[in-house]
């Protein structure tokens, strides 16, 4: 393997791209929740606002993890794996209660990104070998 391959492996690049895609999806969900807050009944407004704020914090956190992993920070791999565990758990919930296809897709995405972060090429690029 050449040094250029070690600095920029395809596995890590795809993990970062998929993390940014997850961030974008969470941002769309946050925008949808904002619409629901505007149309919420007064009795459920505090819960709706807190859920929207938590989703917005999630967007920010996933963005920071994706950016750090894109900059080859070794410390970003652990949080990236934790994000994927949340994606897998959310997919499992959807598999049981919502559209099963969406749950299966989320679980596959979570496992796929976690595996990409753990592959030897990504590990070498992060300096963790």
N, C-alpha and C. Protein backbone atom coordinates (compact mmCIF):
# COMPACT_ATOMS: atom_id res chain seq x y z
N UNK A 1 0.83 -1.18 0.00
CA UNK A 1 0.00 0.00 0.00
C UNK A 1 0.89 1.25 0.00
N UNK A 2 0.56 2.18 -0.83
CA UNK A 2 1.35 3.41 -0.91
C UNK A 2 0.95 4.36 0.21
N UNK A 3 1.81 5.31 0.55
CA UNK A 3 1.47 6.28 1.60
C UNK A 3 0.21 7.08 1.28
N UNK A 4 -0.06 7.35 0.00
CA UNK A 4 -1.27 8.10 -0.35
C UNK A 4 -2.51 7.30 0.01
N UNK A 5 -2.46 5.96 -0.15
CA UNK A 5 -3.60 5.12 0.21
C UNK A 5 -3.83 5.13 1.71
N UNK A 6 -2.75 5.20 2.47
CA UNK A 6 -2.88 5.20 3.92
C UNK A 6 -3.47 6.52 4.40
N UNK A 7 -3.09 7.61 3.76
CA UNK A 7 -3.61 8.92 4.17
C UNK A 7 -5.07 9.10 3.80
N UNK A 8 -5.51 8.53 2.71
CA UNK A 8 -6.87 8.76 2.23
C UNK A 8 -7.53 7.45 1.78
N UNK A 9 -7.83 6.55 2.71
CA UNK A 9 -8.44 5.28 2.29
C UNK A 9 -9.91 5.48 1.90
N UNK A 10 -10.33 4.69 0.97
CA UNK A 10 -11.71 4.74 0.51
C UNK A 10 -12.68 4.40 1.64
N UNK A 11 -12.29 3.47 2.50
CA UNK A 11 -13.19 3.06 3.57
C UNK A 11 -13.51 4.22 4.51
N UNK A 12 -12.50 4.97 4.88
CA UNK A 12 -12.72 6.09 5.78
C UNK A 12 -13.48 7.22 5.08
N UNK A 13 -13.17 7.44 3.81
CA UNK A 13 -13.87 8.48 3.05
C UNK A 13 -15.37 8.17 2.97
N UNK A 14 -15.71 6.90 2.73
CA UNK A 14 -17.12 6.53 2.66
C UNK A 14 -17.79 6.60 4.03
N UNK A 15 -17.07 6.27 5.07
CA UNK A 15 -17.62 6.40 6.42
C UNK A 15 -17.97 7.85 6.71
N UNK A 16 -17.08 8.76 6.33
CA UNK A 16 -17.32 10.19 6.55
C UNK A 16 -18.50 10.66 5.70
N UNK A 17 -18.56 10.24 4.44
CA UNK A 17 -19.69 10.63 3.58
C UNK A 17 -21.02 10.16 4.17
N UNK A 18 -21.04 8.93 4.63
CA UNK A 18 -22.28 8.39 5.18
C UNK A 18 -22.64 9.06 6.50
N UNK A 19 -21.65 9.43 7.29
CA UNK A 19 -21.94 10.19 8.51
C UNK A 19 -22.55 11.55 8.18
N UNK A 20 -22.03 12.22 7.16
CA UNK A 20 -22.61 13.49 6.74
C UNK A 20 -24.03 13.28 6.19
N UNK A 21 -24.27 12.15 5.51
CA UNK A 21 -25.62 11.84 5.04
C UNK A 21 -26.56 11.62 6.22
N UNK A 22 -26.09 10.95 7.26
CA UNK A 22 -26.90 10.78 8.46
C UNK A 22 -27.20 12.13 9.10
N UNK A 23 -26.22 13.00 9.10
CA UNK A 23 -26.40 14.35 9.64
C UNK A 23 -27.47 15.10 8.84
N UNK A 24 -27.43 14.98 7.54
CA UNK A 24 -28.43 15.64 6.70
C UNK A 24 -29.82 15.07 6.95
N UNK A 25 -29.91 13.76 7.08
CA UNK A 25 -31.20 13.15 7.38
C UNK A 25 -31.75 13.60 8.72
N UNK A 26 -30.88 13.71 9.71
CA UNK A 26 -31.31 14.20 11.02
C UNK A 26 -31.71 15.67 10.96
N UNK A 27 -31.07 16.44 10.11
CA UNK A 27 -31.44 17.84 9.92
C UNK A 27 -32.83 17.95 9.30
N UNK A 28 -33.13 17.09 8.35
CA UNK A 28 -34.47 17.07 7.74
C UNK A 28 -35.51 16.70 8.79
N UNK A 29 -35.19 15.71 9.62
CA UNK A 29 -36.10 15.34 10.70
C UNK A 29 -36.31 16.51 11.66
N UNK A 30 -35.26 17.24 11.97
CA UNK A 30 -35.37 18.40 12.86
C UNK A 30 -36.27 19.47 12.24
N UNK A 31 -36.13 19.71 10.95
CA UNK A 31 -36.99 20.69 10.27
C UNK A 31 -38.45 20.24 10.32
N UNK A 32 -38.68 18.96 10.13
CA UNK A 32 -40.04 18.43 10.22
C UNK A 32 -40.59 18.60 11.63
N UNK A 33 -39.76 18.35 12.62
CA UNK A 33 -40.20 18.54 14.01
C UNK A 33 -40.51 20.00 14.30
N UNK A 34 -39.76 20.91 13.68
CA UNK A 34 -40.06 22.34 13.85
C UNK A 34 -41.45 22.68 13.30
N UNK A 35 -41.79 22.09 12.19
CA UNK A 35 -43.13 22.29 11.63
C UNK A 35 -44.18 21.76 12.60
N UNK A 36 -43.91 20.61 13.18
CA UNK A 36 -44.86 20.04 14.14
C UNK A 36 -44.98 20.90 15.39
N UNK A 37 -43.88 21.54 15.80
CA UNK A 37 -43.93 22.44 16.96
C UNK A 37 -44.87 23.61 16.67
N UNK A 38 -44.80 24.15 15.47
CA UNK A 38 -45.64 25.29 15.12
C UNK A 38 -47.12 24.90 15.15
N UNK A 39 -47.41 23.66 14.79
CA UNK A 39 -48.80 23.22 14.72
C UNK A 39 -49.24 22.44 15.97
N UNK A 40 -48.38 22.35 16.98
CA UNK A 40 -48.70 21.56 18.17
C UNK A 40 -49.75 22.25 19.03
N UNK A 41 -50.48 21.43 19.77
CA UNK A 41 -51.45 21.96 20.72
C UNK A 41 -50.70 22.52 21.93
N UNK A 42 -51.25 23.52 22.58
CA UNK A 42 -50.54 24.17 23.70
C UNK A 42 -50.14 23.20 24.82
N UNK A 43 -50.93 22.17 25.05
CA UNK A 43 -50.61 21.23 26.13
C UNK A 43 -49.38 20.39 25.84
N UNK A 44 -49.09 20.13 24.57
CA UNK A 44 -47.95 19.29 24.22
C UNK A 44 -46.75 20.10 23.74
N UNK A 45 -46.83 21.40 23.85
CA UNK A 45 -45.77 22.27 23.34
C UNK A 45 -44.42 22.07 24.03
N UNK A 46 -44.35 21.96 25.36
CA UNK A 46 -43.03 21.76 25.98
C UNK A 46 -42.33 20.47 25.52
N UNK A 47 -43.09 19.40 25.37
CA UNK A 47 -42.49 18.15 24.91
C UNK A 47 -42.04 18.28 23.47
N UNK A 48 -42.84 18.91 22.64
CA UNK A 48 -42.49 19.08 21.23
C UNK A 48 -41.24 19.93 21.07
N UNK A 49 -41.14 20.99 21.85
CA UNK A 49 -39.96 21.85 21.77
C UNK A 49 -38.72 21.12 22.25
N UNK A 50 -38.83 20.38 23.35
CA UNK A 50 -37.66 19.67 23.87
C UNK A 50 -37.19 18.58 22.90
N UNK A 51 -38.13 17.89 22.26
CA UNK A 51 -37.74 16.88 21.27
C UNK A 51 -37.03 17.52 20.09
N UNK A 52 -37.52 18.66 19.65
CA UNK A 52 -36.89 19.35 18.52
C UNK A 52 -35.49 19.84 18.89
N UNK A 53 -35.35 20.36 20.11
CA UNK A 53 -34.03 20.83 20.56
C UNK A 53 -33.05 19.65 20.64
N UNK A 54 -33.51 18.51 21.15
CA UNK A 54 -32.64 17.33 21.23
C UNK A 54 -32.21 16.87 19.83
N UNK A 55 -33.13 16.91 18.88
CA UNK A 55 -32.78 16.53 17.50
C UNK A 55 -31.76 17.50 16.91
N UNK A 56 -31.92 18.79 17.20
CA UNK A 56 -30.97 19.80 16.70
C UNK A 56 -29.59 19.59 17.32
N UNK A 57 -29.56 19.25 18.61
CA UNK A 57 -28.27 18.95 19.26
C UNK A 57 -27.64 17.72 18.60
N UNK A 58 -28.48 16.75 18.25
CA UNK A 58 -27.97 15.56 17.56
C UNK A 58 -27.36 15.89 16.21
N UNK A 59 -27.98 16.80 15.47
CA UNK A 59 -27.43 17.23 14.18
C UNK A 59 -26.04 17.81 14.39
N UNK A 60 -25.93 18.69 15.36
CA UNK A 60 -24.65 19.34 15.64
C UNK A 60 -23.59 18.32 16.06
N UNK A 61 -23.97 17.38 16.92
CA UNK A 61 -23.01 16.38 17.40
C UNK A 61 -22.54 15.46 16.27
N UNK A 62 -23.47 14.99 15.45
CA UNK A 62 -23.08 14.10 14.34
C UNK A 62 -22.23 14.86 13.33
N UNK A 63 -22.54 16.14 13.10
CA UNK A 63 -21.72 16.95 12.21
C UNK A 63 -20.28 17.05 12.74
N UNK A 64 -20.15 17.33 14.03
CA UNK A 64 -18.80 17.44 14.61
C UNK A 64 -18.04 16.12 14.52
N UNK A 65 -18.72 15.01 14.76
CA UNK A 65 -18.06 13.70 14.66
C UNK A 65 -17.63 13.43 13.23
N UNK A 66 -18.51 13.71 12.27
CA UNK A 66 -18.16 13.47 10.86
C UNK A 66 -16.99 14.35 10.43
N UNK A 67 -17.01 15.61 10.84
CA UNK A 67 -15.92 16.51 10.48
C UNK A 67 -14.60 16.06 11.10
N UNK A 68 -14.63 15.66 12.36
CA UNK A 68 -13.41 15.21 13.02
C UNK A 68 -12.89 13.94 12.39
N UNK A 69 -13.78 13.03 12.04
CA UNK A 69 -13.34 11.79 11.38
C UNK A 69 -12.78 12.10 10.00
N UNK A 70 -13.37 13.06 9.31
CA UNK A 70 -12.86 13.48 8.01
C UNK A 70 -11.48 14.11 8.10
N UNK A 71 -11.17 14.71 9.24
CA UNK A 71 -9.85 15.29 9.47
C UNK A 71 -8.87 14.28 10.05
N UNK A 72 -9.26 13.03 10.06
CA UNK A 72 -8.42 11.90 10.50
C UNK A 72 -8.10 11.95 11.99
N UNK A 73 -9.03 12.43 12.80
CA UNK A 73 -8.81 12.44 14.25
C UNK A 73 -9.12 11.04 14.80
N UNK A 74 -8.13 10.46 15.44
CA UNK A 74 -8.31 9.12 15.98
C UNK A 74 -9.37 9.10 17.08
N UNK A 75 -9.52 10.21 17.77
CA UNK A 75 -10.50 10.28 18.86
C UNK A 75 -11.94 10.32 18.35
N UNK A 76 -12.14 10.51 17.08
CA UNK A 76 -13.49 10.59 16.54
C UNK A 76 -14.08 9.22 16.22
N UNK A 77 -13.24 8.20 16.17
CA UNK A 77 -13.75 6.88 15.80
C UNK A 77 -14.71 6.34 16.84
N UNK A 78 -14.41 6.48 18.12
CA UNK A 78 -15.30 5.99 19.17
C UNK A 78 -16.67 6.64 19.11
N UNK A 79 -16.73 7.98 19.08
CA UNK A 79 -18.05 8.63 18.96
C UNK A 79 -18.78 8.25 17.66
N UNK A 80 -18.04 8.03 16.58
CA UNK A 80 -18.69 7.62 15.33
C UNK A 80 -19.35 6.25 15.50
N UNK A 81 -18.70 5.36 16.23
CA UNK A 81 -19.27 4.03 16.49
C UNK A 81 -20.50 4.18 17.38
N UNK A 82 -20.45 5.06 18.37
CA UNK A 82 -21.60 5.28 19.26
C UNK A 82 -22.79 5.81 18.46
N UNK A 83 -22.53 6.74 17.54
CA UNK A 83 -23.60 7.25 16.69
C UNK A 83 -24.24 6.09 15.92
N UNK A 84 -23.42 5.18 15.43
CA UNK A 84 -23.95 4.05 14.67
C UNK A 84 -24.77 3.11 15.56
N UNK A 85 -24.38 2.98 16.82
CA UNK A 85 -25.19 2.17 17.74
C UNK A 85 -26.57 2.79 17.93
N UNK A 86 -26.64 4.12 17.97
CA UNK A 86 -27.93 4.80 18.05
C UNK A 86 -28.74 4.60 16.77
N UNK A 87 -28.07 4.62 15.63
CA UNK A 87 -28.75 4.40 14.36
C UNK A 87 -29.30 2.98 14.31
N UNK A 88 -28.51 2.01 14.76
CA UNK A 88 -28.96 0.62 14.78
C UNK A 88 -30.16 0.46 15.72
N UNK A 89 -30.09 1.08 16.89
CA UNK A 89 -31.20 0.99 17.85
C UNK A 89 -32.47 1.64 17.28
N UNK A 90 -32.31 2.77 16.62
CA UNK A 90 -33.47 3.43 16.00
C UNK A 90 -34.05 2.56 14.90
N UNK A 91 -33.19 1.93 14.14
CA UNK A 91 -33.65 1.02 13.10
C UNK A 91 -34.39 -0.17 13.68
N UNK A 92 -33.91 -0.68 14.80
CA UNK A 92 -34.60 -1.78 15.47
C UNK A 92 -35.98 -1.38 15.94
N UNK A 93 -36.09 -0.15 16.45
CA UNK A 93 -37.40 0.36 16.86
C UNK A 93 -38.34 0.45 15.66
N UNK A 94 -37.83 0.99 14.55
CA UNK A 94 -38.66 1.09 13.35
C UNK A 94 -39.01 -0.29 12.80
N UNK A 95 -38.12 -1.22 12.93
CA UNK A 95 -38.38 -2.58 12.46
C UNK A 95 -39.59 -3.18 13.19
N UNK A 96 -39.73 -2.83 14.46
CA UNK A 96 -40.83 -3.37 15.26
C UNK A 96 -42.11 -2.56 15.14
N UNK A 97 -42.00 -1.22 15.01
CA UNK A 97 -43.20 -0.39 15.10
C UNK A 97 -43.54 0.37 13.83
N UNK A 98 -42.55 0.72 13.06
CA UNK A 98 -42.80 1.57 11.90
C UNK A 98 -42.65 0.77 10.62
N UNK A 99 -42.32 1.46 9.56
CA UNK A 99 -42.08 0.72 8.31
C UNK A 99 -40.82 -0.15 8.45
N UNK A 100 -41.02 -1.44 8.25
CA UNK A 100 -39.92 -2.39 8.44
C UNK A 100 -38.77 -2.13 7.47
N UNK A 101 -39.09 -1.69 6.26
CA UNK A 101 -38.02 -1.44 5.28
C UNK A 101 -37.11 -0.32 5.76
N UNK A 102 -37.68 0.72 6.38
CA UNK A 102 -36.86 1.83 6.88
C UNK A 102 -35.99 1.37 8.04
N UNK A 103 -36.55 0.54 8.90
CA UNK A 103 -35.77 0.01 10.03
C UNK A 103 -34.62 -0.85 9.56
N UNK A 104 -34.90 -1.71 8.59
CA UNK A 104 -33.84 -2.57 8.06
C UNK A 104 -32.76 -1.75 7.37
N UNK A 105 -33.17 -0.71 6.64
CA UNK A 105 -32.19 0.15 5.97
C UNK A 105 -31.33 0.89 6.99
N UNK A 106 -31.95 1.40 8.06
CA UNK A 106 -31.17 2.11 9.09
C UNK A 106 -30.20 1.17 9.79
N UNK A 107 -30.65 -0.04 10.08
CA UNK A 107 -29.76 -0.99 10.75
C UNK A 107 -28.58 -1.35 9.84
N UNK A 108 -28.86 -1.56 8.55
CA UNK A 108 -27.78 -1.87 7.61
C UNK A 108 -26.81 -0.70 7.48
N UNK A 109 -27.34 0.53 7.47
CA UNK A 109 -26.49 1.71 7.40
C UNK A 109 -25.60 1.81 8.63
N UNK A 110 -26.17 1.61 9.80
CA UNK A 110 -25.40 1.68 11.04
C UNK A 110 -24.30 0.64 11.09
N UNK A 111 -24.62 -0.58 10.73
CA UNK A 111 -23.61 -1.64 10.73
C UNK A 111 -22.54 -1.34 9.67
N UNK A 112 -22.98 -0.88 8.51
CA UNK A 112 -22.03 -0.59 7.42
C UNK A 112 -21.03 0.50 7.79
N UNK A 113 -21.52 1.59 8.36
CA UNK A 113 -20.61 2.69 8.73
C UNK A 113 -19.68 2.25 9.85
N UNK A 114 -20.20 1.50 10.81
CA UNK A 114 -19.35 1.01 11.91
C UNK A 114 -18.25 0.11 11.37
N UNK A 115 -18.59 -0.76 10.44
CA UNK A 115 -17.59 -1.65 9.85
C UNK A 115 -16.56 -0.84 9.07
N UNK A 116 -17.01 0.16 8.32
CA UNK A 116 -16.07 1.00 7.57
C UNK A 116 -15.09 1.70 8.51
N UNK A 117 -15.57 2.12 9.67
CA UNK A 117 -14.68 2.79 10.64
C UNK A 117 -13.68 1.82 11.26
N UNK A 118 -14.02 0.54 11.30
CA UNK A 118 -13.18 -0.44 11.97
C UNK A 118 -12.27 -1.23 11.04
N UNK A 119 -12.43 -1.08 9.74
CA UNK A 119 -11.59 -1.81 8.80
C UNK A 119 -10.12 -1.40 8.94
N UNK A 120 -9.21 -2.31 8.62
CA UNK A 120 -7.78 -2.02 8.80
C UNK A 120 -7.30 -0.76 8.08
N UNK A 121 -7.80 -0.48 6.89
CA UNK A 121 -7.34 0.72 6.18
C UNK A 121 -7.73 1.98 6.93
N UNK A 122 -8.94 2.00 7.48
CA UNK A 122 -9.37 3.16 8.28
C UNK A 122 -8.56 3.27 9.56
N UNK A 123 -8.31 2.14 10.18
CA UNK A 123 -7.53 2.11 11.41
C UNK A 123 -6.13 2.67 11.17
N UNK A 124 -5.49 2.25 10.08
CA UNK A 124 -4.16 2.77 9.75
C UNK A 124 -4.20 4.26 9.47
N UNK A 125 -5.23 4.71 8.73
CA UNK A 125 -5.32 6.14 8.40
C UNK A 125 -5.50 7.01 9.64
N UNK A 126 -6.14 6.45 10.65
CA UNK A 126 -6.34 7.18 11.90
C UNK A 126 -5.16 7.05 12.84
N UNK A 127 -4.18 6.24 12.46
CA UNK A 127 -2.99 6.06 13.29
C UNK A 127 -3.25 5.19 14.51
N UNK A 128 -4.19 4.27 14.40
CA UNK A 128 -4.54 3.42 15.54
C UNK A 128 -4.01 1.99 15.42
N UNK A 129 -3.16 1.73 14.45
CA UNK A 129 -2.68 0.35 14.28
C UNK A 129 -1.58 -0.02 15.21
